[in-house]
Protein backbone atom coordinates (compact mmCIF):
# COMPACT_ATOMS: atom_id res chain seq x y z
CA UNK A 1 0.00 0.00 0.00
CA UNK A 2 1.50 3.39 -0.95
CA UNK A 3 2.49 5.42 2.08
CA UNK A 4 2.20 9.15 2.65
CA UNK A 5 5.50 9.99 0.98
CA UNK A 6 4.49 8.16 -2.21
CA UNK A 7 1.12 9.91 -2.33
CA UNK A 8 2.76 13.29 -1.72
CA UNK A 9 5.21 12.74 -4.58
CA UNK A 10 2.31 11.68 -6.81
CA UNK A 11 0.36 14.80 -5.85
CA UNK A 12 3.34 17.04 -6.55
CA UNK A 13 3.84 15.48 -9.97
CA UNK A 14 0.15 15.75 -10.88
CA UNK A 15 -0.05 19.31 -9.61
CA UNK A 16 2.84 20.35 -11.85
CA UNK A 17 1.19 18.48 -14.73
CA UNK A 18 -2.40 19.68 -14.42
CA UNK A 19 -2.81 22.68 -12.11
CA UNK A 20 -4.19 25.71 -13.93
CA UNK A 21 -5.23 23.65 -16.95
CA UNK A 22 -8.75 23.02 -18.21
CA UNK A 23 -10.05 19.48 -18.53
CA UNK A 24 -10.84 19.10 -22.23
CA UNK A 25 -11.90 15.46 -22.11
CA UNK A 26 -12.57 12.86 -19.44
CA UNK A 27 -13.41 9.16 -19.26
CA UNK A 28 -14.78 7.39 -16.22
CA UNK A 29 -15.49 3.76 -15.42
CA UNK A 30 -16.75 4.75 -11.96
CA UNK A 31 -20.55 5.21 -11.97
CA UNK A 32 -20.52 7.82 -9.20
CA UNK A 33 -17.91 9.95 -11.00
CA UNK A 34 -19.58 11.28 -14.17
CA UNK A 35 -16.93 12.31 -16.67
CA UNK A 36 -19.03 15.04 -18.28
CA UNK A 37 -19.18 16.95 -14.98
CA UNK A 38 -15.39 17.37 -15.07
CA UNK A 39 -15.05 18.59 -18.67
CA UNK A 40 -14.55 22.34 -18.88
CA UNK A 41 -13.38 22.71 -15.30
CA UNK A 42 -9.98 24.06 -14.32
CA UNK A 43 -7.77 21.96 -12.08
CA UNK A 44 -7.02 24.19 -9.10
CA UNK A 45 -4.63 22.00 -7.14
CA UNK A 46 -3.66 18.39 -6.57
CA UNK A 47 -2.97 17.70 -2.90
CA UNK A 48 -2.04 14.85 -0.60
CA UNK A 49 -3.89 14.26 2.65
CA UNK A 50 -1.98 11.43 4.31
CA UNK A 51 -2.68 8.42 2.02
CA UNK A 52 -5.48 10.19 0.14
CA UNK A 53 -4.96 12.10 -3.11
CA UNK A 54 -7.28 15.06 -3.68
CA UNK A 55 -7.77 16.76 -7.06
CA UNK A 56 -9.55 20.10 -6.68
CA UNK A 57 -11.61 21.41 -9.61
CA UNK A 58 -12.98 24.90 -10.15
CA UNK A 59 -16.71 25.54 -10.61
CA UNK A 60 -18.49 24.25 -13.68
CA UNK A 61 -21.07 25.88 -15.93
CA UNK A 62 -24.02 24.06 -14.38
CA UNK A 63 -25.84 24.47 -11.11
CA UNK A 64 -27.05 22.18 -8.35
CA UNK A 65 -25.04 19.80 -6.18
CA UNK A 66 -22.15 19.43 -8.64
CA UNK A 67 -22.19 22.97 -9.99
CA UNK A 68 -19.64 24.50 -7.61
CA UNK A 69 -16.05 23.50 -6.90
CA UNK A 70 -15.48 19.74 -6.77
CA UNK A 71 -12.92 17.45 -5.17
CA UNK A 72 -11.91 14.05 -6.51
CA UNK A 73 -10.60 11.70 -3.80
CA UNK A 74 -8.70 8.52 -4.53
CA UNK A 75 -7.14 5.96 -2.20
CA UNK A 76 -4.79 3.54 -3.92
CA UNK A 77 -4.57 0.82 -1.25
CA UNK A 78 -2.54 -2.10 -2.61
CA UNK A 79 -3.05 -2.01 -6.38
CA UNK A 80 -4.01 1.50 -7.43
CA UNK A 81 -1.84 4.13 -9.09
CA UNK A 82 -1.88 7.44 -10.95
CA UNK A 83 0.18 7.94 -14.08
CA UNK A 84 0.80 11.09 -16.12
CA UNK A 85 1.67 11.06 -19.79
CA UNK A 86 0.90 12.74 -23.12
CA UNK A 87 -1.89 11.70 -25.45
CA UNK A 88 0.57 10.44 -28.07
CA UNK A 89 2.48 8.12 -25.71
CA UNK A 90 1.61 4.43 -25.11
CA UNK A 91 0.21 3.68 -21.66
CA UNK A 92 2.17 1.62 -19.17
CA UNK A 93 -0.86 -0.41 -18.13
CA UNK A 94 -3.78 -1.90 -20.10
CA UNK A 95 -6.62 0.49 -20.92
CA UNK A 96 -9.16 -1.79 -19.25
CA UNK A 97 -7.52 -1.10 -15.91
CA UNK A 98 -8.12 2.64 -16.22
CA UNK A 99 -10.87 3.88 -13.96
CA UNK A 100 -10.51 7.56 -14.75
CA UNK A 101 -8.75 9.53 -17.48
CA UNK A 102 -8.33 13.29 -17.21
CA UNK A 103 -7.19 15.03 -20.38
CA UNK A 104 -6.03 18.65 -20.46
CA UNK A 105 -4.98 19.36 -24.02
CA UNK A 106 -2.05 17.10 -24.75
CA UNK A 107 -1.61 16.12 -21.09
CA UNK A 108 -3.22 13.08 -19.49
CA UNK A 109 -3.54 11.83 -15.92
CA UNK A 110 -4.79 8.25 -15.61
CA UNK A 111 -6.02 6.51 -12.48
CA UNK A 112 -5.53 2.74 -12.59
CA UNK A 113 -7.32 0.26 -10.35
CA UNK A 114 -7.75 2.47 -7.28
CA UNK A 115 -10.38 0.85 -5.04
CA UNK A 116 -11.60 4.25 -3.82
CA UNK A 117 -12.57 6.91 -6.35
CA UNK A 118 -15.20 9.48 -5.41
CA UNK A 119 -16.32 12.99 -6.31
CA UNK A 120 -17.89 15.43 -3.88
CA UNK A 121 -18.45 19.19 -3.47
CA UNK A 122 -15.29 20.81 -2.09
CA UNK A 123 -17.34 22.66 0.51
CA UNK A 124 -18.04 19.29 2.15
CA UNK A 125 -14.35 18.46 2.74
CA UNK A 126 -14.48 19.45 6.41
CA UNK A 127 -17.35 17.07 7.10
CA UNK A 128 -16.22 14.21 4.87
CA UNK A 129 -16.67 11.01 6.93
CA UNK A 130 -13.17 9.71 6.14
CA UNK A 131 -11.09 12.88 5.87
CA UNK A 132 -12.44 14.47 9.04
CA UNK A 133 -11.46 11.38 11.04
CA UNK A 134 -7.79 11.42 10.03
CA UNK A 135 -5.16 12.06 12.65
CA UNK A 136 -2.42 14.64 12.04
CA UNK A 137 -0.42 13.97 8.87
CA UNK A 138 3.25 13.36 9.68
CA UNK A 139 4.25 15.10 6.43
CA UNK A 140 2.13 18.21 6.98
CA UNK A 141 4.46 19.81 9.49
CA UNK A 142 5.36 19.41 13.15
CA UNK A 143 2.66 17.72 15.23
CA UNK A 144 1.95 19.57 18.49
CA UNK A 145 3.41 17.84 21.53
CA UNK A 146 1.04 15.40 23.18
CA UNK A 147 -1.34 15.18 20.23
CA UNK A 148 -0.59 11.55 19.39
CA UNK A 149 -0.95 10.54 23.04
CA UNK A 150 -4.24 12.42 23.35
CA UNK A 151 -5.74 10.82 20.25
CA UNK A 152 -4.54 7.37 21.23
CA UNK A 153 -6.10 7.79 24.66
CA UNK A 154 -9.50 8.50 23.15
CA UNK A 155 -9.34 5.96 20.30
CA UNK A 156 -7.29 2.94 21.37
CA UNK A 157 -7.40 0.33 24.09
CA UNK A 158 -4.48 0.59 26.55
CA UNK A 159 -3.26 -2.90 25.60
CA UNK A 160 -2.80 -1.99 21.90
CA UNK A 161 0.84 -2.34 20.76
CA UNK A 162 2.64 0.79 19.61
CA UNK A 163 3.34 -0.90 16.28
CA UNK A 164 -0.40 -1.02 15.69
CA UNK A 165 -0.90 2.57 16.81
CA UNK A 166 1.41 3.86 14.09
CA UNK A 167 -0.80 2.32 11.39
CA UNK A 168 -4.05 3.66 12.84
CA UNK A 169 -4.82 6.60 10.55
CA UNK A 170 -7.21 8.05 13.13
CA UNK A 171 -4.37 8.55 15.59
CA UNK A 172 -1.61 9.72 13.24
CA UNK A 173 -1.88 9.55 9.46
CA UNK A 174 0.36 8.83 6.49
CA UNK A 175 2.49 6.08 8.01
CA UNK A 176 2.45 2.64 6.41
CA UNK A 177 4.18 -0.64 7.02
CA UNK A 178 7.62 0.40 5.79
CA UNK A 179 8.01 3.52 7.85
CA UNK A 180 6.43 2.19 11.03
CA UNK A 181 9.11 -0.55 11.09
CA UNK A 182 11.89 1.89 10.24
CA UNK A 183 10.82 4.57 12.72
CA UNK A 184 10.42 2.04 15.54
CA UNK A 185 13.96 0.83 14.86
CA UNK A 186 15.47 4.31 14.68
CA UNK A 187 13.79 5.18 18.00
CA UNK A 188 14.76 1.81 19.52
CA UNK A 189 11.16 0.95 20.43
CA UNK A 190 9.81 -2.60 20.62
CA UNK A 191 6.86 -2.92 18.16
CA UNK A 192 4.94 -5.02 20.70
CA UNK A 193 5.26 -2.52 23.57
CA UNK A 194 1.86 -1.41 24.85
CA UNK A 195 1.63 2.18 23.76
CA UNK A 196 0.95 3.68 27.23
CA UNK A 197 4.19 2.14 28.53
CA UNK A 198 6.47 4.18 26.27
CA UNK A 199 5.20 7.63 27.23
CA UNK A 200 4.10 10.83 25.55
CA UNK A 201 7.56 12.00 24.50
CA UNK A 202 8.36 8.69 22.82
CA UNK A 203 5.13 8.79 20.81
CA UNK A 204 5.94 12.33 19.69
CA UNK A 205 9.45 11.21 18.73
CA UNK A 206 8.12 8.23 16.74
CA UNK A 207 5.73 10.42 14.73
CA UNK A 208 8.44 13.01 14.10
CA UNK A 209 10.93 10.33 13.04
CA UNK A 210 8.45 8.76 10.64
CA UNK A 211 7.85 12.19 9.12
CA UNK A 212 11.58 12.80 8.78
CA UNK A 213 12.23 9.42 7.17
CA UNK A 214 9.35 9.87 4.72
CA UNK A 215 10.17 13.52 4.06
CA UNK A 216 13.66 12.52 2.94
CA UNK A 217 12.01 10.81 -0.04
CA UNK A 218 10.04 13.85 -1.16
CA UNK A 219 11.72 16.31 -3.56
CA UNK A 220 12.16 19.76 -2.04
CA UNK A 221 12.09 21.61 -5.37
CA UNK A 222 9.35 21.96 -7.94
CA UNK A 223 11.57 20.86 -10.79
CA UNK A 224 11.61 17.43 -12.35
CA UNK A 225 14.19 14.92 -11.33
CA UNK A 226 14.80 11.53 -9.81
CA UNK A 227 13.19 10.82 -6.48
CA UNK A 228 15.86 10.17 -3.84
CA UNK A 229 16.31 6.62 -2.61
CA UNK A 230 15.01 5.39 0.74
CA UNK A 231 18.08 5.91 2.91
CA UNK A 232 17.06 5.93 6.59
CA UNK A 233 18.50 8.26 9.21
CA UNK A 234 22.06 7.18 9.89
CA UNK A 235 21.75 4.04 7.81
CA UNK A 236 24.37 2.81 5.34
CA UNK A 237 24.14 4.36 1.90
CA UNK A 238 22.71 2.88 -1.25
CA UNK A 239 19.07 3.24 -0.28
CA UNK A 240 19.14 0.30 2.14
CA UNK A 241 16.57 -0.13 4.91
CA UNK A 242 17.36 -0.61 8.55
CA UNK A 243 14.96 -3.51 9.12
CA UNK A 244 12.04 -3.54 6.67
CA UNK A 245 12.13 -6.65 4.48
CA UNK A 246 15.39 -7.85 6.11
CA UNK A 247 14.19 -10.89 8.09
CA UNK A 248 17.08 -13.24 8.82
CA UNK A 249 19.76 -10.69 7.89
CA UNK A 250 22.17 -9.00 10.33
CA UNK A 251 21.28 -5.66 11.86
CA UNK A 252 23.36 -2.80 10.45
CA UNK A 253 23.97 -1.55 14.00
CA UNK A 254 24.68 -4.63 16.11
CA UNK A 255 24.73 -7.63 13.71
CA UNK A 256 21.85 -9.35 15.55
CA UNK A 257 19.57 -11.23 13.15
CA UNK A 258 16.53 -9.16 12.14
CA UNK A 259 13.21 -10.80 12.93
CA UNK A 260 9.65 -10.35 11.67
CA UNK A 261 6.19 -11.23 12.86
CA UNK A 262 2.50 -10.52 12.44
CA UNK A 263 1.25 -7.68 14.60
CA UNK A 264 -2.13 -6.14 15.36
CA UNK A 265 -5.68 -6.83 14.30
CA UNK A 266 -4.78 -6.58 10.63
CA UNK A 267 -1.89 -9.01 11.17
CA UNK A 268 0.52 -6.87 9.15
CA UNK A 269 4.15 -7.96 9.17
CA UNK A 270 6.56 -5.88 11.24
CA UNK A 271 10.38 -6.15 11.25
CA UNK A 272 12.65 -5.38 14.20
CA UNK A 273 16.02 -6.02 15.82
CA UNK A 274 15.71 -7.92 19.14
CA UNK A 275 18.85 -6.24 20.51
CA UNK A 276 18.27 -2.66 19.41
CA UNK A 277 14.57 -2.89 20.27
CA UNK A 278 14.41 -4.98 23.45
CA UNK A 279 11.02 -6.09 24.77
CA UNK A 280 9.33 -3.90 27.34
CA UNK A 281 8.19 -5.82 30.41
CA UNK A 282 4.50 -5.08 30.92
CA UNK A 283 1.39 -6.98 32.00
CA UNK A 284 -0.04 -9.05 29.17
CA UNK A 285 3.08 -8.97 27.04
CA UNK A 286 2.87 -11.45 24.14
CA UNK A 287 4.46 -14.83 24.55
CA UNK A 288 7.28 -16.20 22.38
CA UNK A 289 4.86 -17.74 19.91
CA UNK A 290 3.55 -14.30 18.86
CA UNK A 291 6.79 -13.36 17.15
CA UNK A 292 8.33 -15.15 14.20
């Protein structure tokens, strides 16, 4: 599943490609997103909100519910993607996989196989049932101290592991499986530690570290160019990860064998170093069989 840094890079690319341009033609395979409503509208901005990509359109010629400014929201989950190209260039994926095609003169933006594609009046953004429930985005700037703790207190059970907290988009948003494993390692936190046992400051540090790791992969200029590789804080060069995807390999810090296991209600795999991230003794800690 694309994480916040991937969605932000996608939004930046699409914004450079489409912002300020008029949609001259559109195709939609999504019944609730009528293509004709988008034709003639100007793309105002393309933005990232955690793992959600938002395309903002100016007002159309008509009236009624879809007459004012509109927002297109997509969530790519595991198999979706956006792709920009020109109308004289072959597509990278089969046409039957395209759910939405936005054409602005010679420029195209194509949405492939995103499981969530919806269109709604921009004025309803603040009350959108999904967007309004998101926690602070780690890539949107510094998160006020204590915010993650406060949201976790109101949303999570006290026995929830911190590794699960980092994936709960209601508590803090934008983090996915890669950067929760990497940030836990950098901060030397056991993924299975019950979140109240690590304290407010540690939660703040985890969110800030995830934002820093992800932010390192986002271009800081508006010009085109290669996206930098995923080199973690202090890690060896060459775009190598600290722990993610490295089960059975030696830790870059201490040479202990990296381990992995299923964590949380969604049973997502997490990677960690048993030496750099020692278990926290707390009531109800998982037994040996919980970890691979």
